[in-house]
Amino acid sequence: MTTAHELNGLNDESIYSILYFYHVEEISAEHLGVKFGVSSLTIEGIAKGRYRPKCYENFMIVEGILERRLVKRVQSQ
């Protein structure tokens, strides 16, 4: 179960790292939970935008921009 204490222990940098490792590197919630000292349910909540939704939204915007740039670069080669 996710607690406020777990979420308060994670700064924005940690949240963005979790989002990156989960979505881009495809590291499991269990592994990330151990690495960041929180439960896997907390990791999944962050990864799905339930917790710290503004960080999630910002991450998805940046990832979308980077993905579009990559597609353009591949198409132009």
Protein backbone atom coordinates (compact mmCIF):
# COMPACT_ATOMS: atom_id res chain seq x y z
CA MET A 1 0.00 0.00 0.00
CA THR A 2 1.26 3.44 -0.89
CA THR A 3 1.66 5.85 1.96
CA ALA A 4 2.07 9.60 1.97
CA HIS A 5 5.39 9.01 3.73
CA GLU A 6 6.68 7.02 0.74
CA LEU A 7 5.67 9.74 -1.70
CA ASN A 8 7.07 12.52 0.46
CA GLY A 9 10.43 10.76 0.43
CA LEU A 10 10.65 11.08 -3.37
CA ASN A 11 11.69 14.40 -4.89
CA ASP A 12 10.87 15.39 -8.47
CA GLU A 13 14.23 14.09 -9.73
CA SER A 14 13.44 10.66 -8.29
CA ILE A 15 9.97 10.70 -9.83
CA TYR A 16 11.38 11.53 -13.28
CA SER A 17 14.01 8.83 -12.86
CA ILE A 18 11.32 6.30 -11.97
CA LEU A 19 9.26 7.31 -14.99
CA TYR A 20 12.28 7.03 -17.27
CA PHE A 21 13.44 3.67 -15.94
CA TYR A 22 9.91 2.24 -16.00
CA HIS A 23 8.75 3.50 -19.39
CA VAL A 24 11.97 3.79 -21.42
CA GLU A 25 14.33 1.23 -19.89
CA GLU A 26 11.42 -1.09 -18.99
CA ILE A 27 12.76 -1.89 -15.53
CA SER A 28 10.20 -3.68 -13.35
CA ALA A 29 8.23 -1.94 -10.61
CA GLU A 30 9.61 -4.46 -8.12
CA HIS A 31 13.22 -3.62 -8.97
CA LEU A 32 12.54 0.13 -8.92
CA GLY A 33 10.73 -0.20 -5.60
CA VAL A 34 13.82 -1.74 -4.06
CA LYS A 35 16.09 0.85 -5.67
CA PHE A 36 14.02 3.82 -4.45
CA GLY A 37 12.89 2.33 -1.15
CA VAL A 38 9.16 2.27 -1.86
CA SER A 39 6.61 -0.41 -2.67
CA SER A 40 6.05 -1.69 -6.19
CA LEU A 41 2.48 -0.37 -5.91
CA THR A 42 3.88 3.11 -5.39
CA ILE A 43 6.08 2.71 -8.46
CA GLU A 44 3.11 1.55 -10.53
CA GLY A 45 1.02 4.47 -9.27
CA ILE A 46 3.74 6.90 -10.31
CA ALA A 47 4.23 5.14 -13.67
CA LYS A 48 0.51 5.39 -14.45
CA GLY A 49 0.15 9.00 -13.32
CA ARG A 50 -1.98 8.37 -10.23
CA TYR A 51 0.67 9.83 -7.94
CA ARG A 52 2.50 13.05 -8.81
CA PRO A 53 0.39 13.54 -11.96
CA LYS A 54 2.11 16.79 -12.96
CA CYS A 55 5.50 15.03 -13.16
CA TYR A 56 3.85 12.24 -15.17
CA GLU A 57 2.27 14.75 -17.56
CA ASN A 58 5.55 16.63 -18.04
CA PHE A 59 7.44 13.39 -18.64
CA MET A 60 4.95 12.26 -21.27
CA ILE A 61 5.15 15.61 -23.06
CA VAL A 62 8.95 15.47 -23.22
CA GLU A 63 8.97 11.82 -24.29
CA GLY A 64 6.46 12.62 -27.04
CA ILE A 65 8.65 15.44 -28.34
CA LEU A 66 11.74 13.22 -28.30
CA GLU A 67 9.89 10.40 -30.05
CA ARG A 68 8.70 12.73 -32.82
CA ARG A 69 12.26 14.03 -33.30
CA LEU A 70 13.59 10.49 -33.54
CA VAL A 71 10.96 9.55 -36.12
CA LYS A 72 11.80 12.63 -38.21
CA ARG A 73 15.50 11.85 -38.01
CA VAL A 74 14.96 8.23 -39.13
CA GLN A 75 12.68 9.31 -41.97
CA SER A 76 15.20 11.85 -43.26
CA GLN A 77 18.02 9.30 -43.51
